[in-house]
Amino acid sequence: MPVTMDHMLVPVRDNEESARFVAHILGLPYKGLRNRFAPVRLSDGLILDFATSEKFEREHYAFKVSEEEFDQIFARIKESGLIYGSEPRAQDNMEINTHRGGRGVYFKDPSGHSLEVITATYQDDNRPSRPNNAQA
């Protein structure tokens, strides 16, 4: 059996607010709290378990979607009046990128995490990978 990720803890200021936000923007169902977590199941089966926490580091989460899903998600981003951007250091330039022959956009969730939606991933890139200088 191949190894797959089952669930991931996402620390946030308000678990339900963040779960509802991510579910809405990504077009996924949110079914409510489960114990102290607010879970959102992604299409690949991975569950994002949003957990309220007083202290946490802001992280980056990237979601790969189809071109059609990107159109729908980007429409919800704009309808929600969110600030978005084309690059990690330009998340407020109100543009999208077209890296690797796809499209991508960055925006923040209510807790300040950086979210990215892309249609082409780095693994889709035909450029040769950098050599690994680590010794085995």
C-alpha atoms as a PDB file:
ATOM      1  CA  MET A   1       0.000   0.000   0.000  1.00  0.00           C
ATOM      2  CA  PRO A   2       1.444   3.404  -0.890  1.00  0.00           C
ATOM      3  CA  VAL A   3       1.978   5.894   1.903  1.00  0.00           C
ATOM      4  CA  THR A   4      -0.567   8.723   1.858  1.00  0.00           C
ATOM      5  CA  MET A   5      -1.146  11.611   4.198  1.00  0.00           C
ATOM      6  CA  ASP A   6      -4.394  11.186   6.151  1.00  0.00           C
ATOM      7  CA  HIS A   7      -4.745  14.421   8.107  1.00  0.00           C
ATOM      8  CA  MET A   8      -2.838  17.557   8.967  1.00  0.00           C
ATOM      9  CA  LEU A   9      -3.253  19.868  11.944  1.00  0.00           C
ATOM     10  CA  VAL A  10      -3.629  23.540  10.976  1.00  0.00           C
ATOM     11  CA  PRO A  11      -3.322  25.843  14.003  1.00  0.00           C
ATOM     12  CA  VAL A  12      -5.489  28.967  13.685  1.00  0.00           C
ATOM     13  CA  ARG A  13      -7.051  31.730  15.803  1.00  0.00           C
ATOM     14  CA  ASP A  14     -10.604  30.377  15.335  1.00  0.00           C
ATOM     15  CA  ASN A  15     -10.992  26.839  14.027  1.00  0.00           C
ATOM     16  CA  GLU A  16     -14.531  27.184  12.683  1.00  0.00           C
ATOM     17  CA  GLU A  17     -13.904  30.553  11.033  1.00  0.00           C
ATOM     18  CA  SER A  18     -10.860  29.192   9.205  1.00  0.00           C
ATOM     19  CA  ALA A  19     -12.513  25.904   8.248  1.00  0.00           C
ATOM     20  CA  ARG A  20     -15.566  27.684   6.853  1.00  0.00           C
ATOM     21  CA  PHE A  21     -13.327  30.141   4.975  1.00  0.00           C
ATOM     22  CA  VAL A  22     -11.142  27.477   3.342  1.00  0.00           C
ATOM     23  CA  ALA A  23     -14.118  25.256   2.551  1.00  0.00           C
ATOM     24  CA  HIS A  24     -15.990  28.158   0.955  1.00  0.00           C
ATOM     25  CA  ILE A  25     -13.068  29.422  -1.141  1.00  0.00           C
ATOM     26  CA  LEU A  26     -12.077  25.921  -2.309  1.00  0.00           C
ATOM     27  CA  GLY A  27     -15.701  24.873  -2.915  1.00  0.00           C
ATOM     28  CA  LEU A  28     -15.630  22.044  -0.374  1.00  0.00           C
ATOM     29  CA  PRO A  29     -18.185  20.992   2.235  1.00  0.00           C
ATOM     30  CA  TYR A  30     -17.710  21.839   5.890  1.00  0.00           C
ATOM     31  CA  LYS A  31     -19.729  19.557   8.173  1.00  0.00           C
ATOM     32  CA  GLY A  32     -18.981  21.167  11.540  1.00  0.00           C
ATOM     33  CA  LEU A  33     -16.817  20.517  14.553  1.00  0.00           C
ATOM     34  CA  ARG A  34     -15.467  17.098  15.408  1.00  0.00           C
ATOM     35  CA  ASN A  35     -14.196  17.155  18.980  1.00  0.00           C
ATOM     36  CA  ARG A  36     -11.854  20.164  19.148  1.00  0.00           C
ATOM     37  CA  PHE A  37     -11.139  20.150  15.418  1.00  0.00           C
ATOM     38  CA  ALA A  38     -12.925  21.744  12.463  1.00  0.00           C
ATOM     39  CA  PRO A  39     -12.111  19.280   9.667  1.00  0.00           C
ATOM     40  CA  VAL A  40     -12.221  19.993   5.944  1.00  0.00           C
ATOM     41  CA  ARG A  41     -11.677  17.015   3.623  1.00  0.00           C
ATOM     42  CA  LEU A  42      -9.815  17.733   0.408  1.00  0.00           C
ATOM     43  CA  SER A  43     -10.628  15.807  -2.759  1.00  0.00           C
ATOM     44  CA  ASP A  44      -7.587  13.534  -2.377  1.00  0.00           C
ATOM     45  CA  GLY A  45      -8.812  12.378   1.044  1.00  0.00           C
ATOM     46  CA  LEU A  46      -6.442  14.527   3.091  1.00  0.00           C
ATOM     47  CA  ILE A  47      -8.217  16.140   6.031  1.00  0.00           C
ATOM     48  CA  LEU A  48      -7.189  19.598   7.198  1.00  0.00           C
ATOM     49  CA  ASP A  49      -7.942  19.613  10.940  1.00  0.00           C
ATOM     50  CA  PHE A  50      -8.232  23.267  11.938  1.00  0.00           C
ATOM     51  CA  ALA A  51      -7.421  23.690  15.633  1.00  0.00           C
ATOM     52  CA  THR A  52      -7.797  26.863  17.661  1.00  0.00           C
ATOM     53  CA  SER A  53      -4.471  27.873  19.150  1.00  0.00           C
ATOM     54  CA  GLU A  54      -3.249  30.962  20.984  1.00  0.00           C
ATOM     55  CA  LYS A  55       0.220  30.849  19.433  1.00  0.00           C
ATOM     56  CA  PHE A  56       1.276  29.478  16.074  1.00  0.00           C
ATOM     57  CA  GLU A  57       3.558  30.206  13.167  1.00  0.00           C
ATOM     58  CA  ARG A  58       1.955  31.377   9.963  1.00  0.00           C
ATOM     59  CA  GLU A  59       2.514  28.756   7.284  1.00  0.00           C
ATOM     60  CA  HIS A  60       2.085  28.290   3.546  1.00  0.00           C
ATOM     61  CA  TYR A  61      -0.428  25.813   2.109  1.00  0.00           C
ATOM     62  CA  ALA A  62      -0.616  25.154  -1.651  1.00  0.00           C
ATOM     63  CA  PHE A  63      -3.548  23.447  -3.372  1.00  0.00           C
ATOM     64  CA  LYS A  64      -3.320  22.029  -6.898  1.00  0.00           C
ATOM     65  CA  VAL A  65      -6.583  22.241  -8.826  1.00  0.00           C
ATOM     66  CA  SER A  66      -7.848  21.871 -12.386  1.00  0.00           C
ATOM     67  CA  GLU A  67      -8.214  24.875 -14.691  1.00  0.00           C
ATOM     68  CA  GLU A  68     -12.006  24.782 -14.201  1.00  0.00           C
ATOM     69  CA  GLU A  69     -11.652  24.629 -10.407  1.00  0.00           C
ATOM     70  CA  PHE A  70      -9.180  27.526 -10.542  1.00  0.00           C
ATOM     71  CA  ASP A  71     -11.768  29.652 -12.376  1.00  0.00           C
ATOM     72  CA  GLN A  72     -14.382  28.855  -9.723  1.00  0.00           C
ATOM     73  CA  ILE A  73     -12.009  29.447  -6.798  1.00  0.00           C
ATOM     74  CA  PHE A  74     -10.661  32.673  -8.268  1.00  0.00           C
ATOM     75  CA  ALA A  75     -14.239  33.906  -8.773  1.00  0.00           C
ATOM     76  CA  ARG A  76     -14.959  33.221  -5.059  1.00  0.00           C
ATOM     77  CA  ILE A  77     -11.738  35.023  -4.063  1.00  0.00           C
ATOM     78  CA  LYS A  78     -12.816  38.103  -6.030  1.00  0.00           C
ATOM     79  CA  GLU A  79     -16.467  37.899  -4.873  1.00  0.00           C
ATOM     80  CA  SER A  80     -15.239  37.755  -1.265  1.00  0.00           C
ATOM     81  CA  GLY A  81     -13.227  40.939  -1.772  1.00  0.00           C
ATOM     82  CA  LEU A  82      -9.978  39.239  -0.762  1.00  0.00           C
ATOM     83  CA  ILE A  83      -6.600  40.748  -1.443  1.00  0.00           C
ATOM     84  CA  TYR A  84      -4.602  38.394  -3.653  1.00  0.00           C
ATOM     85  CA  GLY A  85      -1.364  38.314  -5.557  1.00  0.00           C
ATOM     86  CA  SER A  86       0.811  36.519  -8.049  1.00  0.00           C
ATOM     87  CA  GLU A  87       3.950  35.828  -5.995  1.00  0.00           C
ATOM     88  CA  PRO A  88       4.958  34.840  -2.451  1.00  0.00           C
ATOM     89  CA  ARG A  89       6.394  38.315  -1.889  1.00  0.00           C
ATOM     90  CA  ALA A  90       3.652  40.077  -3.859  1.00  0.00           C
ATOM     91  CA  GLN A  91       0.486  38.667  -2.319  1.00  0.00           C
ATOM     92  CA  ASP A  92      -1.307  41.973  -2.694  1.00  0.00           C
ATOM     93  CA  ASN A  93      -0.636  42.997  -6.316  1.00  0.00           C
ATOM     94  CA  MET A  94      -4.111  41.809  -7.419  1.00  0.00           C
ATOM     95  CA  GLU A  95      -2.628  39.688 -10.226  1.00  0.00           C
ATOM     96  CA  ILE A  96      -2.312  35.960 -10.908  1.00  0.00           C
ATOM     97  CA  ASN A  97       0.755  34.186 -12.282  1.00  0.00           C
ATOM     98  CA  THR A  98       1.171  31.864 -15.251  1.00  0.00           C
ATOM     99  CA  HIS A  99       4.178  29.882 -14.037  1.00  0.00           C
ATOM    100  CA  ARG A 100       4.939  26.455 -15.526  1.00  0.00           C
ATOM    101  CA  GLY A 101       2.202  26.869 -18.137  1.00  0.00           C
ATOM    102  CA  GLY A 102      -0.545  27.036 -15.519  1.00  0.00           C
ATOM    103  CA  ARG A 103      -2.079  29.677 -13.285  1.00  0.00           C
ATOM    104  CA  GLY A 104      -1.551  30.496  -9.640  1.00  0.00           C
ATOM    105  CA  VAL A 105      -2.720  32.910  -6.984  1.00  0.00           C
ATOM    106  CA  TYR A 106      -1.797  33.646  -3.363  1.00  0.00           C
ATOM    107  CA  PHE A 107      -4.066  34.999  -0.607  1.00  0.00           C
ATOM    108  CA  LYS A 108      -4.306  34.943   3.184  1.00  0.00           C
ATOM    109  CA  ASP A 109      -6.737  33.078   5.401  1.00  0.00           C
ATOM    110  CA  PRO A 110      -8.303  34.739   8.485  1.00  0.00           C
ATOM    111  CA  SER A 111      -5.330  33.649  10.650  1.00  0.00           C
ATOM    112  CA  GLY A 112      -2.702  34.997   8.259  1.00  0.00           C
ATOM    113  CA  HIS A 113      -1.626  31.704   6.686  1.00  0.00           C
ATOM    114  CA  SER A 114      -0.517  32.086   3.073  1.00  0.00           C
ATOM    115  CA  LEU A 115      -2.717  30.011   0.764  1.00  0.00           C
ATOM    116  CA  GLU A 116      -1.786  29.263  -2.833  1.00  0.00           C
ATOM    117  CA  VAL A 117      -3.957  27.776  -5.563  1.00  0.00           C
ATOM    118  CA  ILE A 118      -2.124  26.444  -8.630  1.00  0.00           C
ATOM    119  CA  THR A 119      -2.967  24.496 -11.769  1.00  0.00           C
ATOM    120  CA  ALA A 120       0.606  23.337 -12.490  1.00  0.00           C
ATOM    121  CA  THR A 121       3.046  22.247  -9.835  1.00  0.00           C
ATOM    122  CA  TYR A 122       6.817  22.307  -9.691  1.00  0.00           C
ATOM    123  CA  GLN A 123       6.772  18.572 -10.375  1.00  0.00           C
ATOM    124  CA  ASP A 124       5.113  19.328 -13.745  1.00  0.00           C
ATOM    125  CA  ASP A 125       8.126  21.429 -14.750  1.00  0.00           C
ATOM    126  CA  ASN A 126      10.309  19.848 -17.447  1.00  0.00           C
ATOM    127  CA  ARG A 127      13.441  21.686 -16.306  1.00  0.00           C
ATOM    128  CA  PRO A 128      16.129  19.433 -14.819  1.00  0.00           C
ATOM    129  CA  SER A 129      16.113  19.375 -11.045  1.00  0.00           C
ATOM    130  CA  ARG A 130      19.021  20.777  -9.095  1.00  0.00           C
ATOM    131  CA  PRO A 131      21.578  18.194  -8.040  1.00  0.00           C
ATOM    132  CA  ASN A 132      21.337  17.090  -4.459  1.00  0.00           C
ATOM    133  CA  ASN A 133      24.666  17.750  -2.763  1.00  0.00           C
ATOM    134  CA  ALA A 134      23.731  15.796   0.342  1.00  0.00           C
ATOM    135  CA  GLN A 135      25.707  12.659   0.993  1.00  0.00           C
ATOM    136  CA  ALA A 136      23.870   9.410   1.462  1.00  0.00           C
END
